Amino acid sequence: MSKRTYSPITQSALQLFSQLIALKRRERGLTQQNLAERLGVTRGTLRRLEAGDPKCEIGLFFELAYLLGIHLFDAPERYQSLAISIQDKLAVLPTRVQKTRQEVDNDF
């Protein structure tokens, strides 16, 4: 079984985000146990999130950001219009992407 590797950019982003989570938790005076209970996970899972474990669910990172007041999207109305624009574009694209078939060249 091979171990999944992540790019340096991904690792740096996770490290930065997890440090921000730990900082905000401490600034708010919350223990890991308190925050884990609010999040609905075990303290061990929270430790993994604060360590930047890439195998943790991304939804947990977003929920933690919300609980701690970390604003990932500064202008919600801007992102809402972006989401609508993306939905409009997706509506006109095919729902499935198929591998293009290579044409056979029968010229000898």
PDB file of N, CA and C in Angstrom:
ATOM      1  N   MET A   1       0.843  -1.166   0.000  1.00  0.00           N
ATOM      2  CA  MET A   1       0.000   0.000   0.000  1.00  0.00           C
ATOM      3  C   MET A   1       0.898   1.243   0.000  1.00  0.00           C
ATOM      4  N   SER A   2       0.708   2.115  -0.982  1.00  0.00           N
ATOM      5  CA  SER A   2       1.554   3.298  -1.069  1.00  0.00           C
ATOM      6  C   SER A   2       0.950   4.444  -0.258  1.00  0.00           C
ATOM      7  N   LYS A   3       1.840   5.278   0.235  1.00  0.00           N
ATOM      8  CA  LYS A   3       1.415   6.409   1.044  1.00  0.00           C
ATOM      9  C   LYS A   3       1.127   7.597   0.124  1.00  0.00           C
ATOM     10  N   ARG A   4       0.000   8.246   0.316  1.00  0.00           N
ATOM     11  CA  ARG A   4      -0.394   9.412  -0.481  1.00  0.00           C
ATOM     12  C   ARG A   4       0.528  10.566  -0.146  1.00  0.00           C
ATOM     13  N   THR A   5       1.015  11.259  -1.160  1.00  0.00           N
ATOM     14  CA  THR A   5       1.852  12.425  -0.935  1.00  0.00           C
ATOM     15  C   THR A   5       1.104  13.676  -1.383  1.00  0.00           C
ATOM     16  N   TYR A   6       1.455  14.793  -0.794  1.00  0.00           N
ATOM     17  CA  TYR A   6       0.817  16.066  -1.116  1.00  0.00           C
ATOM     18  C   TYR A   6       1.885  17.061  -1.533  1.00  0.00           C
ATOM     19  N   SER A   7       1.506  17.974  -2.406  1.00  0.00           N
ATOM     20  CA  SER A   7       2.450  18.965  -2.901  1.00  0.00           C
ATOM     21  C   SER A   7       2.881  19.898  -1.767  1.00  0.00           C
ATOM     22  N   PRO A   8       4.028  20.527  -1.907  1.00  0.00           N
ATOM     23  CA  PRO A   8       4.480  21.481  -0.887  1.00  0.00           C
ATOM     24  C   PRO A   8       3.486  22.625  -0.678  1.00  0.00           C
ATOM     25  N   ILE A   9       2.818  23.047  -1.725  1.00  0.00           N
ATOM     26  CA  ILE A   9       1.822  24.121  -1.611  1.00  0.00           C
ATOM     27  C   ILE A   9       0.669  23.663  -0.718  1.00  0.00           C
ATOM     28  N   THR A  10       0.181  22.460  -0.941  1.00  0.00           N
ATOM     29  CA  THR A  10      -0.910  21.916  -0.127  1.00  0.00           C
ATOM     30  C   THR A  10      -0.476  21.783   1.322  1.00  0.00           C
ATOM     31  N   GLN A  11       0.719  21.268   1.537  1.00  0.00           N
ATOM     32  CA  GLN A  11       1.219  21.103   2.902  1.00  0.00           C
ATOM     33  C   GLN A  11       1.360  22.457   3.603  1.00  0.00           C
ATOM     34  N   SER A  12       1.860  23.455   2.890  1.00  0.00           N
ATOM     35  CA  SER A  12       2.016  24.791   3.480  1.00  0.00           C
ATOM     36  C   SER A  12       0.666  25.408   3.820  1.00  0.00           C
ATOM     37  N   ALA A  13      -0.301  25.251   2.913  1.00  0.00           N
ATOM     38  CA  ALA A  13      -1.635  25.807   3.148  1.00  0.00           C
ATOM     39  C   ALA A  13      -2.289  25.149   4.358  1.00  0.00           C
ATOM     40  N   LEU A  14      -2.160  23.832   4.459  1.00  0.00           N
ATOM     41  CA  LEU A  14      -2.720  23.123   5.607  1.00  0.00           C
ATOM     42  C   LEU A  14      -2.049  23.540   6.906  1.00  0.00           C
ATOM     43  N   GLN A  15      -0.740  23.711   6.860  1.00  0.00           N
ATOM     44  CA  GLN A  15      -0.009  24.118   8.058  1.00  0.00           C
ATOM     45  C   GLN A  15      -0.446  25.513   8.501  1.00  0.00           C
ATOM     46  N   LEU A  16      -0.557  26.432   7.551  1.00  0.00           N
ATOM     47  CA  LEU A  16      -0.971  27.787   7.871  1.00  0.00           C
ATOM     48  C   LEU A  16      -2.390  27.808   8.435  1.00  0.00           C
ATOM     49  N   PHE A  17      -3.298  27.088   7.784  1.00  0.00           N
ATOM     50  CA  PHE A  17      -4.690  27.057   8.222  1.00  0.00           C
ATOM     51  C   PHE A  17      -4.823  26.412   9.597  1.00  0.00           C
ATOM     52  N   SER A  18      -4.096  25.330   9.823  1.00  0.00           N
ATOM     53  CA  SER A  18      -4.193  24.647  11.116  1.00  0.00           C
ATOM     54  C   SER A  18      -3.605  25.507  12.237  1.00  0.00           C
ATOM     55  N   GLN A  19      -2.542  26.252  11.943  1.00  0.00           N
ATOM     56  CA  GLN A  19      -1.983  27.161  12.938  1.00  0.00           C
ATOM     57  C   GLN A  19      -2.955  28.291  13.261  1.00  0.00           C
ATOM     58  N   LEU A  20      -3.653  28.773  12.250  1.00  0.00           N
ATOM     59  CA  LEU A  20      -4.657  29.812  12.469  1.00  0.00           C
ATOM     60  C   LEU A  20      -5.794  29.287  13.344  1.00  0.00           C
ATOM     61  N   ILE A  21      -6.195  28.054  13.122  1.00  0.00           N
ATOM     62  CA  ILE A  21      -7.235  27.429  13.944  1.00  0.00           C
ATOM     63  C   ILE A  21      -6.775  27.342  15.394  1.00  0.00           C
ATOM     64  N   ALA A  22      -5.554  26.859  15.621  1.00  0.00           N
ATOM     65  CA  ALA A  22      -5.024  26.740  16.984  1.00  0.00           C
ATOM     66  C   ALA A  22      -4.923  28.110  17.647  1.00  0.00           C
ATOM     67  N   LEU A  23      -4.475  29.110  16.900  1.00  0.00           N
ATOM     68  CA  LEU A  23      -4.355  30.465  17.432  1.00  0.00           C
ATOM     69  C   LEU A  23      -5.713  31.011  17.861  1.00  0.00           C
ATOM     70  N   LYS A  24      -6.709  30.897  16.995  1.00  0.00           N
ATOM     71  CA  LYS A  24      -8.046  31.421  17.307  1.00  0.00           C
ATOM     72  C   LYS A  24      -8.665  30.692  18.495  1.00  0.00           C
ATOM     73  N   ARG A  25      -8.426  29.379  18.576  1.00  0.00           N
ATOM     74  CA  ARG A  25      -8.964  28.611  19.709  1.00  0.00           C
ATOM     75  C   ARG A  25      -8.370  29.128  21.013  1.00  0.00           C
ATOM     76  N   ARG A  26      -7.062  29.327  21.014  1.00  0.00           N
ATOM     77  CA  ARG A  26      -6.397  29.799  22.229  1.00  0.00           C
ATOM     78  C   ARG A  26      -6.799  31.230  22.570  1.00  0.00           C
ATOM     79  N   GLU A  27      -6.938  32.083  21.556  1.00  0.00           N
ATOM     80  CA  GLU A  27      -7.365  33.463  21.799  1.00  0.00           C
ATOM     81  C   GLU A  27      -8.755  33.515  22.437  1.00  0.00           C
ATOM     82  N   ARG A  28      -9.598  32.575  22.063  1.00  0.00           N
ATOM     83  CA  ARG A  28     -10.946  32.517  22.628  1.00  0.00           C
ATOM     84  C   ARG A  28     -10.993  31.791  23.964  1.00  0.00           C
ATOM     85  N   GLY A  29      -9.861  31.267  24.403  1.00  0.00           N
ATOM     86  CA  GLY A  29      -9.791  30.595  25.697  1.00  0.00           C
ATOM     87  C   GLY A  29     -10.490  29.250  25.723  1.00  0.00           C
ATOM     88  N   LEU A  30     -10.536  28.578  24.582  1.00  0.00           N
ATOM     89  CA  LEU A  30     -11.185  27.271  24.500  1.00  0.00           C
ATOM     90  C   LEU A  30     -10.153  26.159  24.606  1.00  0.00           C
ATOM     91  N   THR A  31     -10.486  25.133  25.357  1.00  0.00           N
ATOM     92  CA  THR A  31      -9.625  23.958  25.391  1.00  0.00           C
ATOM     93  C   THR A  31      -9.925  23.124  24.156  1.00  0.00           C
ATOM     94  N   GLN A  32      -9.023  22.200  23.855  1.00  0.00           N
ATOM     95  CA  GLN A  32      -9.285  21.296  22.737  1.00  0.00           C
ATOM     96  C   GLN A  32     -10.554  20.490  22.988  1.00  0.00           C
ATOM     97  N   GLN A  33     -10.759  20.087  24.227  1.00  0.00           N
ATOM     98  CA  GLN A  33     -11.946  19.298  24.564  1.00  0.00           C
ATOM     99  C   GLN A  33     -13.224  20.109  24.341  1.00  0.00           C
ATOM    100  N   ASN A  34     -13.224  21.387  24.791  1.00  0.00           N
ATOM    101  CA  ASN A  34     -14.401  22.243  24.598  1.00  0.00           C
ATOM    102  C   ASN A  34     -14.741  22.397  23.115  1.00  0.00           C
ATOM    103  N   LEU A  35     -13.721  22.707  22.336  1.00  0.00           N
ATOM    104  CA  LEU A  35     -13.959  22.936  20.907  1.00  0.00           C
ATOM    105  C   LEU A  35     -14.351  21.645  20.201  1.00  0.00           C
ATOM    106  N   ALA A  36     -13.735  20.541  20.593  1.00  0.00           N
ATOM    107  CA  ALA A  36     -14.088  19.249  19.996  1.00  0.00           C
ATOM    108  C   ALA A  36     -15.557  18.927  20.256  1.00  0.00           C
ATOM    109  N   GLU A  37     -16.034  19.192  21.455  1.00  0.00           N
ATOM    110  CA  GLU A  37     -17.440  18.944  21.781  1.00  0.00           C
ATOM    111  C   GLU A  37     -18.354  19.830  20.946  1.00  0.00           C
ATOM    112  N   ARG A  38     -17.986  21.096  20.784  1.00  0.00           N
ATOM    113  CA  ARG A  38     -18.797  22.007  19.954  1.00  0.00           C
ATOM    114  C   ARG A  38     -18.828  21.555  18.500  1.00  0.00           C
ATOM    115  N   LEU A  39     -17.713  21.019  18.049  1.00  0.00           N
ATOM    116  CA  LEU A  39     -17.616  20.558  16.670  1.00  0.00           C
ATOM    117  C   LEU A  39     -18.268  19.188  16.478  1.00  0.00           C
ATOM    118  N   GLY A  40     -18.394  18.442  17.572  1.00  0.00           N
ATOM    119  CA  GLY A  40     -19.009  17.114  17.492  1.00  0.00           C
ATOM    120  C   GLY A  40     -18.021  16.035  17.086  1.00  0.00           C
ATOM    121  N   VAL A  41     -16.754  16.230  17.478  1.00  0.00           N
ATOM    122  CA  VAL A  41     -15.719  15.246  17.169  1.00  0.00           C
ATOM    123  C   VAL A  41     -14.957  14.931  18.455  1.00  0.00           C
ATOM    124  N   THR A  42     -14.059  13.972  18.361  1.00  0.00           N
ATOM    125  CA  THR A  42     -13.232  13.647  19.521  1.00  0.00           C
ATOM    126  C   THR A  42     -12.074  14.643  19.628  1.00  0.00           C
ATOM    127  N   ARG A  43     -11.466  14.679  20.787  1.00  0.00           N
ATOM    128  CA  ARG A  43     -10.314  15.552  20.994  1.00  0.00           C
ATOM    129  C   ARG A  43      -9.163  15.137  20.078  1.00  0.00           C
ATOM    130  N   GLY A  44      -9.033  13.851  19.839  1.00  0.00           N
ATOM    131  CA  GLY A  44      -8.001  13.353  18.931  1.00  0.00           C
ATOM    132  C   GLY A  44      -8.181  13.880  17.510  1.00  0.00           C
ATOM    133  N   THR A  45      -9.429  13.936  17.061  1.00  0.00           N
ATOM    134  CA  THR A  45      -9.697  14.478  15.728  1.00  0.00           C
ATOM    135  C   THR A  45      -9.349  15.954  15.678  1.00  0.00           C
ATOM    136  N   LEU A  46      -9.680  16.684  16.740  1.00  0.00           N
ATOM    137  CA  LEU A  46      -9.340  18.101  16.778  1.00  0.00           C
ATOM    138  C   LEU A  46      -7.828  18.291  16.758  1.00  0.00           C
ATOM    139  N   ARG A  47      -7.108  17.435  17.465  1.00  0.00           N
ATOM    140  CA  ARG A  47      -5.643  17.512  17.440  1.00  0.00           C
ATOM    141  C   ARG A  47      -5.120  17.305  16.018  1.00  0.00           C
ATOM    142  N   ARG A  48      -5.716  16.364  15.305  1.00  0.00           N
ATOM    143  CA  ARG A  48      -5.316  16.116  13.914  1.00  0.00           C
ATOM    144  C   ARG A  48      -5.610  17.325  13.034  1.00  0.00           C
ATOM    145  N   LEU A  49      -6.745  17.979  13.273  1.00  0.00           N
ATOM    146  CA  LEU A  49      -7.090  19.183  12.509  1.00  0.00           C
ATOM    147  C   LEU A  49      -6.091  20.296  12.790  1.00  0.00           C
ATOM    148  N   GLU A  50      -5.741  20.465  14.066  1.00  0.00           N
ATOM    149  CA  GLU A  50      -4.786  21.507  14.437  1.00  0.00           C
ATOM    150  C   GLU A  50      -3.368  21.175  13.979  1.00  0.00           C
ATOM    151  N   ALA A  51      -3.119  19.917  13.664  1.00  0.00           N
ATOM    152  CA  ALA A  51      -1.814  19.513  13.136  1.00  0.00           C
ATOM    153  C   ALA A  51      -1.789  19.593  11.610  1.00  0.00           C
ATOM    154  N   GLY A  52      -2.949  19.891  11.006  1.00  0.00           N
ATOM    155  CA  GLY A  52      -3.018  20.008   9.551  1.00  0.00           C
ATOM    156  C   GLY A  52      -3.018  18.685   8.826  1.00  0.00           C
ATOM    157  N   ASP A  53      -3.628  17.669   9.428  1.00  0.00           N
ATOM    158  CA  ASP A  53      -3.697  16.348   8.801  1.00  0.00           C
ATOM    159  C   ASP A  53      -4.568  16.429   7.545  1.00  0.00           C
ATOM    160  N   PRO A  54      -4.000  16.170   6.367  1.00  0.00           N
ATOM    161  CA  PRO A  54      -4.763  16.291   5.131  1.00  0.00           C
ATOM    162  C   PRO A  54      -5.831  15.209   4.957  1.00  0.00           C
ATOM    163  N   LYS A  55      -5.811  14.204   5.806  1.00  0.00           N
ATOM    164  CA  LYS A  55      -6.806  13.140   5.688  1.00  0.00           C
ATOM    165  C   LYS A  55      -8.110  13.466   6.428  1.00  0.00           C
ATOM    166  N   CYS A  56      -8.116  14.582   7.162  1.00  0.00           N
ATOM    167  CA  CYS A  56      -9.346  15.009   7.843  1.00  0.00           C
ATOM    168  C   CYS A  56     -10.330  15.559   6.813  1.00  0.00           C
ATOM    169  N   GLU A  57     -11.605  15.408   7.112  1.00  0.00           N
ATOM    170  CA  GLU A  57     -12.635  15.905   6.198  1.00  0.00           C
ATOM    171  C   GLU A  57     -12.527  17.417   6.049  1.00  0.00           C
ATOM    172  N   ILE A  58     -12.635  17.882   4.819  1.00  0.00           N
ATOM    173  CA  ILE A  58     -12.528  19.320   4.578  1.00  0.00           C
ATOM    174  C   ILE A  58     -13.675  20.076   5.247  1.00  0.00           C
ATOM    175  N   GLY A  59     -14.817  19.418   5.357  1.00  0.00           N
ATOM    176  CA  GLY A  59     -15.960  20.052   6.016  1.00  0.00           C
ATOM    177  C   GLY A  59     -15.667  20.400   7.467  1.00  0.00           C
ATOM    178  N   LEU A  60     -14.858  19.579   8.119  1.00  0.00           N
ATOM    179  CA  LEU A  60     -14.488  19.861   9.508  1.00  0.00           C
ATOM    180  C   LEU A  60     -13.629  21.121   9.595  1.00  0.00           C
ATOM    181  N   PHE A  61     -12.731  21.299   8.623  1.00  0.00           N
ATOM    182  CA  PHE A  61     -11.918  22.516   8.602  1.00  0.00           C
ATOM    183  C   PHE A  61     -12.816  23.748   8.428  1.00  0.00           C
ATOM    184  N   PHE A  62     -13.784  23.665   7.517  1.00  0.00           N
ATOM    185  CA  PHE A  62     -14.692  24.790   7.284  1.00  0.00           C
ATOM    186  C   PHE A  62     -15.564  25.067   8.509  1.00  0.00           C
ATOM    187  N   GLU A  63     -16.039  24.006   9.142  1.00  0.00           N
ATOM    188  CA  GLU A  63     -16.875  24.178  10.335  1.00  0.00           C
ATOM    189  C   GLU A  63     -16.072  24.799  11.470  1.00  0.00           C
ATOM    190  N   LEU A  64     -14.838  24.376  11.628  1.00  0.00           N
ATOM    191  CA  LEU A  64     -13.967  24.971  12.645  1.00  0.00           C
ATOM    192  C   LEU A  64     -13.750  26.452  12.372  1.00  0.00           C
ATOM    193  N   ALA A  65     -13.503  26.788  11.122  1.00  0.00           N
ATOM    194  CA  ALA A  65     -13.312  28.193  10.757  1.00  0.00           C
ATOM    195  C   ALA A  65     -14.551  29.002  11.128  1.00  0.00           C
ATOM    196  N   TYR A  66     -15.719  28.469  10.850  1.00  0.00           N
ATOM    197  CA  TYR A  66     -16.958  29.165  11.195  1.00  0.00           C
ATOM    198  C   TYR A  66     -17.096  29.324  12.711  1.00  0.00           C
ATOM    199  N   LEU A  67     -16.869  28.247  13.454  1.00  0.00           N
ATOM    200  CA  LEU A  67     -17.008  28.294  14.910  1.00  0.00           C
ATOM    201  C   LEU A  67     -16.033  29.285  15.554  1.00  0.00           C
ATOM    202  N   LEU A  68     -14.863  29.433  14.961  1.00  0.00           N
ATOM    203  CA  LEU A  68     -13.843  30.303  15.539  1.00  0.00           C
ATOM    204  C   LEU A  68     -13.852  31.719  14.962  1.00  0.00           C
ATOM    205  N   GLY A  69     -14.765  31.964  14.039  1.00  0.00           N
ATOM    206  CA  GLY A  69     -14.860  33.311  13.459  1.00  0.00           C
ATOM    207  C   GLY A  69     -13.787  33.617  12.438  1.00  0.00           C
ATOM    208  N   ILE A  70     -13.256  32.584  11.804  1.00  0.00           N
ATOM    209  CA  ILE A  70     -12.265  32.785  10.745  1.00  0.00           C
ATOM    210  C   ILE A  70     -13.033  32.972   9.444  1.00  0.00           C
ATOM    211  N   HIS A  71     -12.884  34.140   8.836  1.00  0.00           N
ATOM    212  CA  HIS A  71     -13.619  34.457   7.612  1.00  0.00           C
ATOM    213  C   HIS A  71     -12.823  34.011   6.394  1.00  0.00           C
ATOM    214  N   LEU A  72     -13.251  32.902   5.822  1.00  0.00           N
ATOM    215  CA  LEU A  72     -12.572  32.385   4.642  1.00  0.00           C
ATOM    216  C   LEU A  72     -13.004  33.145   3.391  1.00  0.00           C
ATOM    217  N   PHE A  73     -14.219  33.599   3.396  1.00  0.00           N
ATOM    218  CA  PHE A  73     -14.766  34.339   2.273  1.00  0.00           C
ATOM    219  C   PHE A  73     -15.237  35.682   2.797  1.00  0.00           C
ATOM    220  N   ASP A  74     -14.453  36.732   2.523  1.00  0.00           N
ATOM    221  CA  ASP A  74     -14.701  38.043   3.112  1.00  0.00           C
ATOM    222  C   ASP A  74     -15.996  38.695   2.662  1.00  0.00           C
ATOM    223  N   ALA A  75     -16.386  38.499   1.431  1.00  0.00           N
ATOM    224  CA  ALA A  75     -17.594  39.145   0.916  1.00  0.00           C
ATOM    225  C   ALA A  75     -18.580  38.072   0.458  1.00  0.00           C
ATOM    226  N   PRO A  76     -19.451  37.591   1.360  1.00  0.00           N
ATOM    227  CA  PRO A  76     -20.357  36.494   1.003  1.00  0.00           C
ATOM    228  C   PRO A  76     -21.213  36.780  -0.227  1.00  0.00           C
ATOM    229  N   GLU A  77     -21.644  38.031  -0.393  1.00  0.00           N
ATOM    230  CA  GLU A  77     -22.489  38.349  -1.548  1.00  0.00           C
ATOM    231  C   GLU A  77     -21.712  38.180  -2.859  1.00  0.00           C
ATOM    232  N   ARG A  78     -20.420  38.481  -2.838  1.00  0.00           N
ATOM    233  CA  ARG A  78     -19.589  38.299  -4.025  1.00  0.00           C
ATOM    234  C   ARG A  78     -19.482  36.816  -4.372  1.00  0.00           C
ATOM    235  N   TYR A  79     -19.297  36.001  -3.371  1.00  0.00           N
ATOM    236  CA  TYR A  79     -19.159  34.569  -3.619  1.00  0.00           C
ATOM    237  C   TYR A  79     -20.490  33.939  -4.005  1.00  0.00           C
ATOM    238  N   GLN A  80     -21.573  34.512  -3.535  1.00  0.00           N
ATOM    239  CA  GLN A  80     -22.883  34.004  -3.928  1.00  0.00           C
ATOM    240  C   GLN A  80     -23.103  34.267  -5.414  1.00  0.00           C
ATOM    241  N   SER A  81     -22.740  35.461  -5.893  1.00  0.00           N
ATOM    242  CA  SER A  81     -22.891  35.748  -7.319  1.00  0.00           C
ATOM    243  C   SER A  81     -21.932  34.886  -8.144  1.00  0.00           C
ATOM    244  N   LEU A  82     -20.747  34.624  -7.599  1.00  0.00           N
ATOM    245  CA  LEU A  82     -19.805  33.735  -8.282  1.00  0.00           C
ATOM    246  C   LEU A  82     -20.385  32.329  -8.368  1.00  0.00           C
ATOM    247  N   ALA A  83     -21.007  31.855  -7.292  1.00  0.00           N
ATOM    248  CA  ALA A  83     -21.617  30.516  -7.290  1.00  0.00           C
ATOM    249  C   ALA A  83     -22.726  30.431  -8.338  1.00  0.00           C
ATOM    250  N   ILE A  84     -23.515  31.480  -8.465  1.00  0.00           N
ATOM    251  CA  ILE A  84     -24.590  31.498  -9.467  1.00  0.00           C
ATOM    252  C   ILE A  84     -23.987  31.464 -10.870  1.00  0.00           C
ATOM    253  N   SER A  85     -22.925  32.238 -11.080  1.00  0.00           N
ATOM    254  CA  SER A  85     -22.255  32.252 -12.379  1.00  0.00           C
ATOM    255  C   SER A  85     -21.703  30.874 -12.727  1.00  0.00           C
ATOM    256  N   ILE A  86     -21.109  30.221 -11.760  1.00  0.00           N
ATOM    257  CA  ILE A  86     -20.563  28.877 -11.982  1.00  0.00           C
ATOM    258  C   ILE A  86     -21.692  27.899 -12.298  1.00  0.00           C
ATOM    259  N   GLN A  87     -22.805  28.002 -11.576  1.00  0.00           N
ATOM    260  CA  GLN A  87     -23.945  27.117 -11.834  1.00  0.00           C
ATOM    261  C   GLN A  87     -24.466  27.325 -13.249  1.00  0.00           C
ATOM    262  N   ASP A  88     -24.524  28.587 -13.701  1.00  0.00           N
ATOM    263  CA  ASP A  88     -24.986  28.874 -15.061  1.00  0.00           C
ATOM    264  C   ASP A  88     -24.060  28.239 -16.103  1.00  0.00           C
ATOM    265  N   LYS A  89     -22.760  28.331 -15.870  1.00  0.00           N
ATOM    266  CA  LYS A  89     -21.800  27.738 -16.800  1.00  0.00           C
ATOM    267  C   LYS A  89     -21.896  26.218 -16.799  1.00  0.00           C
ATOM    268  N   LEU A  90     -22.051  25.635 -15.606  1.00  0.00           N
ATOM    269  CA  LEU A  90     -22.163  24.181 -15.515  1.00  0.00           C
ATOM    270  C   LEU A  90     -23.429  23.673 -16.197  1.00  0.00           C
ATOM    271  N   ALA A  91     -24.477  24.481 -16.192  1.00  0.00           N
ATOM    272  CA  ALA A  91     -25.747  24.075 -16.792  1.00  0.00           C
ATOM    273  C   ALA A  91     -25.632  23.882 -18.302  1.00  0.00           C
ATOM    274  N   VAL A  92     -24.737  24.588 -18.950  1.00  0.00           N
ATOM    275  CA  VAL A  92     -24.619  24.472 -20.410  1.00  0.00           C
ATOM    276  C   VAL A  92     -23.534  23.488 -20.843  1.00  0.00           C
ATOM    277  N   LEU A  93     -22.748  23.009 -19.900  1.00  0.00           N
ATOM    278  CA  LEU A  93     -21.710  22.030 -20.231  1.00  0.00           C
ATOM    279  C   LEU A  93     -22.266  20.617 -20.098  1.00  0.00           C
ATOM    280  N   PRO A  94     -21.668  19.665 -20.799  1.00  0.00           N
ATOM    281  CA  PRO A  94     -22.115  18.276 -20.656  1.00  0.00           C
ATOM    282  C   PRO A  94     -21.946  17.811 -19.209  1.00  0.00           C
ATOM    283  N   THR A  95     -22.860  16.957 -18.773  1.00  0.00           N
ATOM    284  CA  THR A  95     -22.779  16.471 -17.401  1.00  0.00           C
ATOM    285  C   THR A  95     -21.667  15.450 -17.226  1.00  0.00           C
ATOM    286  N   ARG A  96     -21.306  14.783 -18.306  1.00  0.00           N
ATOM    287  CA  ARG A  96     -20.233  13.799 -18.235  1.00  0.00           C
ATOM    288  C   ARG A  96     -19.161  14.154 -19.250  1.00  0.00           C
ATOM    289  N   VAL A  97     -17.941  13.922 -18.877  1.00  0.00           N
ATOM    290  CA  VAL A  97     -16.827  14.126 -19.794  1.00  0.00           C
ATOM    291  C   VAL A  97     -16.332  12.762 -20.232  1.00  0.00           C
ATOM    292  N   GLN A  98     -16.310  12.580 -21.531  1.00  0.00           N
ATOM    293  CA  GLN A  98     -15.860  11.298 -22.062  1.00  0.00           C
ATOM    294  C   GLN A  98     -14.515  11.485 -22.739  1.00  0.00           C
ATOM    295  N   LYS A  99     -13.726  10.478 -22.649  1.00  0.00           N
ATOM    296  CA  LYS A  99     -12.426  10.504 -23.296  1.00  0.00           C
ATOM    297  C   LYS A  99     -12.641  10.577 -24.797  1.00  0.00           C
ATOM    298  N   THR A 100     -11.941  11.508 -25.438  1.00  0.00           N
ATOM    299  CA  THR A 100     -12.095  11.635 -26.885  1.00  0.00           C
ATOM    300  C   THR A 100     -11.439  10.446 -27.567  1.00  0.00           C
ATOM    301  N   ARG A 101     -12.103   9.993 -28.612  1.00  0.00           N
ATOM    302  CA  ARG A 101     -11.563   8.861 -29.356  1.00  0.00           C
ATOM    303  C   ARG A 101     -10.602   9.368 -30.409  1.00  0.00           C
ATOM    304  N   GLN A 102      -9.498   8.684 -30.501  1.00  0.00           N
ATOM    305  CA  GLN A 102      -8.514   9.059 -31.502  1.00  0.00           C
ATOM    306  C   GLN A 102      -8.957   8.512 -32.836  1.00  0.00           C
ATOM    307  N   GLU A 103      -8.951   9.390 -33.856  1.00  0.00           N
ATOM    308  CA  GLU A 103      -9.343   8.939 -35.178  1.00  0.00           C
ATOM    309  C   GLU A 103      -8.257   8.045 -35.764  1.00  0.00           C
ATOM    310  N   VAL A 104      -8.698   7.030 -36.423  1.00  0.00           N
ATOM    311  CA  VAL A 104      -7.759   6.100 -37.038  1.00  0.00           C
ATOM    312  C   VAL A 104      -7.374   6.643 -38.393  1.00  0.00           C
ATOM    313  N   ASP A 105      -6.095   6.722 -38.631  1.00  0.00           N
ATOM    314  CA  ASP A 105      -5.600   7.178 -39.915  1.00  0.00           C
ATOM    315  C   ASP A 105      -5.312   5.961 -40.777  1.00  0.00           C
ATOM    316  N   ASN A 106      -6.171   5.723 -41.764  1.00  0.00           N
ATOM    317  CA  ASN A 106      -6.012   4.544 -42.617  1.00  0.00           C
ATOM    318  C   ASN A 106      -5.195   4.818 -43.856  1.00  0.00           C
ATOM    319  N   ASP A 107      -4.632   6.003 -43.970  1.00  0.00           N
ATOM    320  CA  ASP A 107      -3.819   6.311 -45.154  1.00  0.00           C
ATOM    321  C   ASP A 107      -2.471   5.603 -45.037  1.00  0.00           C
ATOM    322  N   PHE A 108      -2.177   4.843 -46.071  1.00  0.00           N
ATOM    323  CA  PHE A 108      -0.915   4.114 -46.056  1.00  0.00           C
ATOM    324  C   PHE A 108       0.135   4.822 -46.829  1.00  0.00           C
TER     325      PHE A 108
END
